[in-house]
Each structure stands twice: as structure tokens, then as C-alpha cells.
Amino acid sequence: MQNTQNSSSIEQLVRQSVYRQLGLLDAKSESAPNKLLVNISARHCHITQEAVDALFGKGHQLTPVKWLYQEGQYAAKETVTLIGPRSRVISNLRILGPCRDINQIELAYTDARALGFDVPVRQSGDIAGTPGCMLMGPKGYFKMDQGVIRAAIHVHMSPEDAAHYGVKDKDFMKLKVFGECGLTFDRIYVRVKPEFKLEVHLDTDEGNACGLSGDSIFELTK
């Protein structure tokens, strides 16, 4: 029986070789010191310990069930129900840990439309003037006066990666995704910290639009 994972890896290498021979891949991306990952970040929330206490009981601690690519970040076992305008809801909204000092909901455009939200595109943490919502957990409710956003496409990178690409924190880059539904994203916001691994985050709408999959070929350029 053929190993599907190995077959997919071989196909990816073949496509990458063809793109390289056709001159479609940028030399700087090809020689990057660290491998670039492009991942889809599905709808989720970041919440404070105060919100955890209200939703799950005083002193409750989030339980990691899956560690994410960025160091120290995880998907928690705990989920909440988001109550939007006109009582429309999203159930089982995943919490990402650890707790933060602000409450923030990150939705894709189609999520926001389904809930009846007019949600702006914002960088993480920039929540002033954004819509609020109500969260419901097994032990109670928590009202957010603001914090519902569509997260802007962004790339995490270390200072080493930033030096290689010739960019700095808060710059913008381009991401080209090859394939039948290939797209180029022109405003990839750069976040630089020593602990960051090289990774671009798209939301589900953006990932679906470019047909992103585990064997996609992509390049990051200034």
C-alpha cells in the first residue's frame, strides 16, 4: 500500500523543482535559514483569567490539548458559545491559551456575516472601537464590550529571519501561494520576536480562497 504522506511530499518536491526551474521561486525565500510554514488559523478566542473564572468557575485553569507551532501557545480543551447580534450563536468556539491581558475573538469574514457582525480587520491586540459580544460557558456568562475582530494576515519571525528578508517589526511583506487557485497576498504584517518561529497565519476564508493544503508551495517576499 502506498504511503500517502510520502507520496504527497514527493509531489511537493517535484512541483517545487519545476517552479524553481521556471524561475517562479524567489532566491531569497529559497535560501531562508528557517523553513516557512503557512497555516490556517480557524475562528478562536483569547481570554483573560477574569473571563475564565466567570465562564468556568473561580480559579479554573485552561487545559492544553494541542500545542501550537509558536512556543508556549496551545489550543485548550475548553470552548465557549459566542452570542452575537440578534442572539445568533457560534457553539464550541475554541479558546487558545495561555490567558492574555485582553479578551479578543478572531473570526473569518463568513463567520462574522453569519453572526450579523460588521467586524473590522485588525492586528491582534488592536481592539479599540471594535464590536463586543456575550460569551457563555458551563458556569456563567461574560460580557465583552469590545474585542471581536477579523485578524489581519501576519507572519511571525525571529530577528534572524527578519535580517534574512530585510524587514523589521511592523513592516509588510507579500505571500505568493502557487496552485490552481493561486493567490498573492500583498499585506502580510510582520511580527518579530526572538521566540517566534517563521509562520504565516491566514484565516479560513483566505486559506480556502487560495486552495492552501499540506503540499502547497508558497514564497514570502519583501
C-alpha atoms as a PDB file:
ATOM      1  CA  MET A   1       0.000   0.000   0.000  1.00  0.00           C
ATOM      2  CA  GLN A   2       1.403   3.398  -0.983  1.00  0.00           C
ATOM      3  CA  ASN A   3       2.287   5.772   1.817  1.00  0.00           C
ATOM      4  CA  THR A   4       0.050   8.807   1.186  1.00  0.00           C
ATOM      5  CA  GLN A   5       2.212  11.170   3.226  1.00  0.00           C
ATOM      6  CA  ASN A   6       5.393  10.179   1.356  1.00  0.00           C
ATOM      7  CA  SER A   7       3.574  10.487  -1.988  1.00  0.00           C
ATOM      8  CA  SER A   8       2.385  13.973  -1.081  1.00  0.00           C
ATOM      9  CA  SER A   9       5.909  15.009  -0.039  1.00  0.00           C
ATOM     10  CA  ILE A  10       7.357  13.735  -3.321  1.00  0.00           C
ATOM     11  CA  GLU A  11       4.724  15.620  -5.322  1.00  0.00           C
ATOM     12  CA  GLN A  12       5.519  18.782  -3.384  1.00  0.00           C
ATOM     13  CA  LEU A  13       9.252  18.428  -4.090  1.00  0.00           C
ATOM     14  CA  VAL A  14       8.576  17.838  -7.799  1.00  0.00           C
ATOM     15  CA  ARG A  15       6.376  20.932  -8.050  1.00  0.00           C
ATOM     16  CA  GLN A  16       8.933  22.969  -6.146  1.00  0.00           C
ATOM     17  CA  SER A  17      11.663  21.828  -8.562  1.00  0.00           C
ATOM     18  CA  VAL A  18       9.530  22.769 -11.575  1.00  0.00           C
ATOM     19  CA  TYR A  19       8.724  26.217 -10.145  1.00  0.00           C
ATOM     20  CA  ARG A  20      12.424  26.726  -9.414  1.00  0.00           C
ATOM     21  CA  GLN A  21      13.443  25.816 -12.973  1.00  0.00           C
ATOM     22  CA  LEU A  22      10.816  28.191 -14.359  1.00  0.00           C
ATOM     23  CA  GLY A  23      12.227  30.984 -12.205  1.00  0.00           C
ATOM     24  CA  LEU A  24       8.992  31.377 -10.240  1.00  0.00           C
ATOM     25  CA  LEU A  25      10.525  30.975  -6.799  1.00  0.00           C
ATOM     26  CA  ASP A  26      12.383  33.885  -5.225  1.00  0.00           C
ATOM     27  CA  ALA A  27      16.035  33.123  -4.455  1.00  0.00           C
ATOM     28  CA  LYS A  28      15.868  34.802  -1.033  1.00  0.00           C
ATOM     29  CA  SER A  29      12.923  32.637   0.001  1.00  0.00           C
ATOM     30  CA  GLU A  30      14.734  29.550  -1.265  1.00  0.00           C
ATOM     31  CA  SER A  31      17.834  30.305   0.835  1.00  0.00           C
ATOM     32  CA  ALA A  32      15.987  31.268   4.035  1.00  0.00           C
ATOM     33  CA  PRO A  33      17.655  30.000   7.247  1.00  0.00           C
ATOM     34  CA  ASN A  34      14.391  28.587   8.582  1.00  0.00           C
ATOM     35  CA  LYS A  35      11.554  26.739   6.884  1.00  0.00           C
ATOM     36  CA  LEU A  36       8.412  28.818   6.321  1.00  0.00           C
ATOM     37  CA  LEU A  37       5.080  27.368   7.383  1.00  0.00           C
ATOM     38  CA  VAL A  38       1.736  28.791   6.260  1.00  0.00           C
ATOM     39  CA  ASN A  39      -1.146  27.716   8.484  1.00  0.00           C
ATOM     40  CA  ILE A  40      -4.844  28.393   8.640  1.00  0.00           C
ATOM     41  CA  SER A  41      -5.998  29.853  11.928  1.00  0.00           C
ATOM     42  CA  ALA A  42      -9.662  28.933  12.413  1.00  0.00           C
ATOM     43  CA  ARG A  43     -12.004  31.090  14.492  1.00  0.00           C
ATOM     44  CA  HIS A  44     -10.995  31.185  18.136  1.00  0.00           C
ATOM     45  CA  CYS A  45     -10.754  33.388  21.202  1.00  0.00           C
ATOM     46  CA  HIS A  46      -8.147  34.649  23.636  1.00  0.00           C
ATOM     47  CA  ILE A  47      -9.486  35.496  27.088  1.00  0.00           C
ATOM     48  CA  THR A  48      -8.353  36.769  30.468  1.00  0.00           C
ATOM     49  CA  GLN A  49      -8.305  34.825  33.720  1.00  0.00           C
ATOM     50  CA  GLU A  50     -11.242  37.001  34.831  1.00  0.00           C
ATOM     51  CA  ALA A  51     -13.243  35.674  31.868  1.00  0.00           C
ATOM     52  CA  VAL A  52     -12.161  32.082  32.604  1.00  0.00           C
ATOM     53  CA  ASP A  53     -13.377  32.479  36.195  1.00  0.00           C
ATOM     54  CA  ALA A  54     -16.768  33.786  35.041  1.00  0.00           C
ATOM     55  CA  LEU A  55     -17.244  31.123  32.366  1.00  0.00           C
ATOM     56  CA  PHE A  56     -15.789  28.019  34.062  1.00  0.00           C
ATOM     57  CA  GLY A  57     -15.711  28.809  37.778  1.00  0.00           C
ATOM     58  CA  LYS A  58     -13.409  30.714  40.109  1.00  0.00           C
ATOM     59  CA  GLY A  59      -9.789  29.581  39.864  1.00  0.00           C
ATOM     60  CA  HIS A  60     -10.316  27.342  36.842  1.00  0.00           C
ATOM     61  CA  GLN A  61      -7.182  26.815  34.736  1.00  0.00           C
ATOM     62  CA  LEU A  62      -7.202  26.212  30.986  1.00  0.00           C
ATOM     63  CA  THR A  63      -6.259  22.667  29.964  1.00  0.00           C
ATOM     64  CA  PRO A  64      -3.903  22.294  26.960  1.00  0.00           C
ATOM     65  CA  VAL A  65      -4.986  19.623  24.464  1.00  0.00           C
ATOM     66  CA  LYS A  66      -2.842  20.583  21.483  1.00  0.00           C
ATOM     67  CA  TRP A  67       0.381  22.566  21.435  1.00  0.00           C
ATOM     68  CA  LEU A  68       0.632  25.030  18.558  1.00  0.00           C
ATOM     69  CA  TYR A  69       3.659  25.807  16.397  1.00  0.00           C
ATOM     70  CA  GLN A  70       4.512  29.004  18.261  1.00  0.00           C
ATOM     71  CA  GLU A  71       6.330  28.297  21.515  1.00  0.00           C
ATOM     72  CA  GLY A  72       4.091  28.161  24.598  1.00  0.00           C
ATOM     73  CA  GLN A  73       0.802  28.551  22.686  1.00  0.00           C
ATOM     74  CA  TYR A  74      -1.881  25.881  22.799  1.00  0.00           C
ATOM     75  CA  ALA A  75      -5.463  25.007  21.960  1.00  0.00           C
ATOM     76  CA  ALA A  76      -7.344  24.487  25.200  1.00  0.00           C
ATOM     77  CA  LYS A  77      -9.862  21.763  25.961  1.00  0.00           C
ATOM     78  CA  GLU A  78     -12.302  24.467  26.977  1.00  0.00           C
ATOM     79  CA  THR A  79     -14.726  26.008  24.481  1.00  0.00           C
ATOM     80  CA  VAL A  80     -17.385  28.703  24.773  1.00  0.00           C
ATOM     81  CA  THR A  81     -20.545  29.757  22.994  1.00  0.00           C
ATOM     82  CA  LEU A  82     -20.382  33.172  21.322  1.00  0.00           C
ATOM     83  CA  ILE A  83     -23.664  35.081  21.298  1.00  0.00           C
ATOM     84  CA  GLY A  84     -23.765  37.750  18.609  1.00  0.00           C
ATOM     85  CA  PRO A  85     -26.328  40.276  17.369  1.00  0.00           C
ATOM     86  CA  ARG A  86     -29.963  39.154  17.367  1.00  0.00           C
ATOM     87  CA  SER A  87     -28.954  36.151  19.521  1.00  0.00           C
ATOM     88  CA  ARG A  88     -27.147  34.347  16.699  1.00  0.00           C
ATOM     89  CA  VAL A  89     -24.539  31.983  18.121  1.00  0.00           C
ATOM     90  CA  ILE A  90     -21.375  30.039  17.375  1.00  0.00           C
ATOM     91  CA  SER A  91     -21.013  26.998  19.606  1.00  0.00           C
ATOM     92  CA  ASN A  92     -17.763  25.308  20.642  1.00  0.00           C
ATOM     93  CA  LEU A  93     -15.555  28.330  19.980  1.00  0.00           C
ATOM     94  CA  ARG A  94     -12.063  27.166  20.896  1.00  0.00           C
ATOM     95  CA  ILE A  95     -10.027  29.041  23.494  1.00  0.00           C
ATOM     96  CA  LEU A  96      -6.315  29.432  22.789  1.00  0.00           C
ATOM     97  CA  GLY A  97      -4.032  29.683  25.799  1.00  0.00           C
ATOM     98  CA  PRO A  98      -2.397  30.814  27.876  1.00  0.00           C
ATOM     99  CA  CYS A  99      -4.628  33.567  29.253  1.00  0.00           C
ATOM    100  CA  ARG A 100      -3.966  37.081  27.997  1.00  0.00           C
ATOM    101  CA  ASP A 101      -4.497  40.547  29.433  1.00  0.00           C
ATOM    102  CA  ILE A 102      -7.317  41.349  26.969  1.00  0.00           C
ATOM    103  CA  ASN A 103     -10.301  39.452  25.596  1.00  0.00           C
ATOM    104  CA  GLN A 104     -10.296  39.008  21.833  1.00  0.00           C
ATOM    105  CA  ILE A 105     -12.406  36.991  19.387  1.00  0.00           C
ATOM    106  CA  GLU A 106     -10.923  36.256  15.943  1.00  0.00           C
ATOM    107  CA  LEU A 107     -13.421  35.426  13.196  1.00  0.00           C
ATOM    108  CA  ALA A 108     -13.267  34.968   9.439  1.00  0.00           C
ATOM    109  CA  TYR A 109     -15.449  37.192   7.261  1.00  0.00           C
ATOM    110  CA  THR A 110     -18.054  34.471   6.684  1.00  0.00           C
ATOM    111  CA  ASP A 111     -18.228  33.805  10.450  1.00  0.00           C
ATOM    112  CA  ALA A 112     -18.877  37.480  11.121  1.00  0.00           C
ATOM    113  CA  ARG A 113     -21.527  37.704   8.404  1.00  0.00           C
ATOM    114  CA  ALA A 114     -23.335  34.642   9.747  1.00  0.00           C
ATOM    115  CA  LEU A 115     -23.462  36.237  13.205  1.00  0.00           C
ATOM    116  CA  GLY A 116     -24.593  39.632  11.902  1.00  0.00           C
ATOM    117  CA  PHE A 117     -21.369  41.421  12.866  1.00  0.00           C
ATOM    118  CA  ASP A 118     -19.693  44.254  10.963  1.00  0.00           C
ATOM    119  CA  VAL A 119     -16.166  43.354  12.024  1.00  0.00           C
ATOM    120  CA  PRO A 120     -13.028  45.341  11.104  1.00  0.00           C
ATOM    121  CA  VAL A 121      -9.699  43.844  10.046  1.00  0.00           C
ATOM    122  CA  ARG A 122      -7.271  44.490  12.892  1.00  0.00           C
ATOM    123  CA  GLN A 123      -3.893  43.411  14.180  1.00  0.00           C
ATOM    124  CA  SER A 124      -4.050  41.282  17.313  1.00  0.00           C
ATOM    125  CA  GLY A 125      -4.449  43.484  20.377  1.00  0.00           C
ATOM    126  CA  ASP A 126      -5.833  46.458  18.459  1.00  0.00           C
ATOM    127  CA  ILE A 127      -9.415  46.177  19.668  1.00  0.00           C
ATOM    128  CA  ALA A 128     -10.408  49.804  20.395  1.00  0.00           C
ATOM    129  CA  GLY A 129     -13.765  50.591  18.838  1.00  0.00           C
ATOM    130  CA  THR A 130     -14.486  47.011  17.758  1.00  0.00           C
ATOM    131  CA  PRO A 131     -17.802  45.213  18.396  1.00  0.00           C
ATOM    132  CA  GLY A 132     -18.451  43.335  21.601  1.00  0.00           C
ATOM    133  CA  CYS A 133     -20.384  40.151  22.319  1.00  0.00           C
ATOM    134  CA  MET A 134     -21.512  37.802  25.040  1.00  0.00           C
ATOM    135  CA  LEU A 135     -19.691  34.559  25.863  1.00  0.00           C
ATOM    136  CA  MET A 136     -21.421  31.648  27.570  1.00  0.00           C
ATOM    137  CA  GLY A 137     -19.649  28.855  29.426  1.00  0.00           C
ATOM    138  CA  PRO A 138     -20.765  25.984  31.676  1.00  0.00           C
ATOM    139  CA  LYS A 139     -20.640  28.179  34.791  1.00  0.00           C
ATOM    140  CA  GLY A 140     -21.874  31.530  33.536  1.00  0.00           C
ATOM    141  CA  TYR A 141     -21.679  34.432  31.097  1.00  0.00           C
ATOM    142  CA  PHE A 142     -19.035  37.017  30.321  1.00  0.00           C
ATOM    143  CA  LYS A 143     -19.826  40.259  28.506  1.00  0.00           C
ATOM    144  CA  MET A 144     -17.227  41.732  26.175  1.00  0.00           C
ATOM    145  CA  ASP A 145     -17.789  45.412  25.366  1.00  0.00           C
ATOM    146  CA  GLN A 146     -15.283  45.178  22.506  1.00  0.00           C
ATOM    147  CA  GLY A 147     -12.777  42.734  21.035  1.00  0.00           C
ATOM    148  CA  VAL A 148     -14.399  40.979  18.052  1.00  0.00           C
ATOM    149  CA  ILE A 149     -12.068  41.292  15.027  1.00  0.00           C
ATOM    150  CA  ARG A 150     -11.035  39.791  11.737  1.00  0.00           C
ATOM    151  CA  ALA A 151      -7.326  39.153  12.317  1.00  0.00           C
ATOM    152  CA  ALA A 152      -5.101  40.670   9.641  1.00  0.00           C
ATOM    153  CA  ILE A 153      -2.823  38.239   7.799  1.00  0.00           C
ATOM    154  CA  HIS A 154       0.536  38.225   9.550  1.00  0.00           C
ATOM    155  CA  VAL A 155       3.881  36.449   9.727  1.00  0.00           C
ATOM    156  CA  HIS A 156       5.741  35.522  12.896  1.00  0.00           C
ATOM    157  CA  MET A 157       9.527  35.584  12.586  1.00  0.00           C
ATOM    158  CA  SER A 158      12.702  35.754  14.630  1.00  0.00           C
ATOM    159  CA  PRO A 159      15.301  38.526  14.307  1.00  0.00           C
ATOM    160  CA  GLU A 160      17.383  36.062  12.248  1.00  0.00           C
ATOM    161  CA  ASP A 161      14.530  35.641   9.772  1.00  0.00           C
ATOM    162  CA  ALA A 162      13.892  39.393   9.675  1.00  0.00           C
ATOM    163  CA  ALA A 163      17.547  40.072   8.854  1.00  0.00           C
ATOM    164  CA  HIS A 164      17.456  37.496   6.056  1.00  0.00           C
ATOM    165  CA  TYR A 165      14.376  39.003   4.429  1.00  0.00           C
ATOM    166  CA  GLY A 166      15.488  42.589   5.072  1.00  0.00           C
ATOM    167  CA  VAL A 167      12.422  43.567   7.101  1.00  0.00           C
ATOM    168  CA  LYS A 168      11.657  44.784  10.602  1.00  0.00           C
ATOM    169  CA  ASP A 169       8.792  44.539  13.062  1.00  0.00           C
ATOM    170  CA  LYS A 170       5.535  46.088  11.716  1.00  0.00           C
ATOM    171  CA  ASP A 171       6.697  46.061   8.084  1.00  0.00           C
ATOM    172  CA  PHE A 172       4.580  44.440   5.365  1.00  0.00           C
ATOM    173  CA  MET A 173       5.528  41.580   3.050  1.00  0.00           C
ATOM    174  CA  LYS A 174       3.947  39.571   0.233  1.00  0.00           C
ATOM    175  CA  LEU A 175       2.978  35.911   0.264  1.00  0.00           C
ATOM    176  CA  LYS A 176       2.514  34.046  -3.022  1.00  0.00           C
ATOM    177  CA  VAL A 177       0.663  30.736  -2.914  1.00  0.00           C
ATOM    178  CA  PHE A 178       1.074  28.625  -6.066  1.00  0.00           C
ATOM    179  CA  GLY A 179      -1.555  26.299  -7.479  1.00  0.00           C
ATOM    180  CA  GLU A 180      -4.792  26.151  -9.442  1.00  0.00           C
ATOM    181  CA  CYS A 181      -6.317  28.773  -7.138  1.00  0.00           C
ATOM    182  CA  GLY A 182      -3.005  30.555  -6.564  1.00  0.00           C
ATOM    183  CA  LEU A 183      -3.089  33.996  -4.987  1.00  0.00           C
ATOM    184  CA  THR A 184      -0.677  36.695  -3.860  1.00  0.00           C
ATOM    185  CA  PHE A 185      -1.423  38.384  -0.544  1.00  0.00           C
ATOM    186  CA  ASP A 186       0.096  41.884  -0.558  1.00  0.00           C
ATOM    187  CA  ARG A 187      -0.134  42.977   3.088  1.00  0.00           C
ATOM    188  CA  ILE A 188       1.429  40.362   5.332  1.00  0.00           C
ATOM    189  CA  TYR A 189       2.068  42.159   8.625  1.00  0.00           C
ATOM    190  CA  VAL A 190       5.474  41.356  10.150  1.00  0.00           C
ATOM    191  CA  ARG A 191       5.808  40.459  13.817  1.00  0.00           C
ATOM    192  CA  VAL A 192       9.356  39.969  15.105  1.00  0.00           C
ATOM    193  CA  LYS A 193      10.290  38.433  18.456  1.00  0.00           C
ATOM    194  CA  PRO A 194      13.246  36.236  19.474  1.00  0.00           C
ATOM    195  CA  GLU A 195      10.954  33.341  20.405  1.00  0.00           C
ATOM    196  CA  PHE A 196       8.941  33.367  17.169  1.00  0.00           C
ATOM    197  CA  LYS A 197       9.142  30.619  14.545  1.00  0.00           C
ATOM    198  CA  LEU A 198       8.693  31.501  10.872  1.00  0.00           C
ATOM    199  CA  GLU A 199       4.960  31.109  10.240  1.00  0.00           C
ATOM    200  CA  VAL A 200       2.220  32.924   8.315  1.00  0.00           C
ATOM    201  CA  HIS A 201      -1.332  32.843   9.663  1.00  0.00           C
ATOM    202  CA  LEU A 202      -4.315  33.006   7.295  1.00  0.00           C
ATOM    203  CA  ASP A 203      -7.945  32.696   8.324  1.00  0.00           C
ATOM    204  CA  THR A 204     -10.238  30.010   6.908  1.00  0.00           C
ATOM    205  CA  ASP A 205     -11.664  32.239   4.162  1.00  0.00           C
ATOM    206  CA  GLU A 206      -8.185  33.217   2.971  1.00  0.00           C
ATOM    207  CA  GLY A 207      -6.879  29.665   3.134  1.00  0.00           C
ATOM    208  CA  ASN A 208      -9.836  28.319   1.169  1.00  0.00           C
ATOM    209  CA  ALA A 209      -9.570  31.090  -1.431  1.00  0.00           C
ATOM    210  CA  CYS A 210      -6.011  30.092  -2.375  1.00  0.00           C
ATOM    211  CA  GLY A 211      -6.593  26.341  -2.008  1.00  0.00           C
ATOM    212  CA  LEU A 212      -3.997  26.051   0.762  1.00  0.00           C
ATOM    213  CA  SER A 213      -3.155  22.456   1.665  1.00  0.00           C
ATOM    214  CA  GLY A 214      -0.375  20.489   3.286  1.00  0.00           C
ATOM    215  CA  ASP A 215       1.505  20.169  -0.005  1.00  0.00           C
ATOM    216  CA  SER A 216       1.096  23.784  -1.198  1.00  0.00           C
ATOM    217  CA  ILE A 217       4.126  25.685  -2.493  1.00  0.00           C
ATOM    218  CA  PHE A 218       4.490  29.299  -1.366  1.00  0.00           C
ATOM    219  CA  GLU A 219       7.058  32.068  -1.071  1.00  0.00           C
ATOM    220  CA  LEU A 220       7.463  35.092   1.167  1.00  0.00           C
ATOM    221  CA  THR A 221       8.977  38.265  -0.298  1.00  0.00           C
ATOM    222  CA  LYS A 222       9.577  41.841   0.751  1.00  0.00           C
END
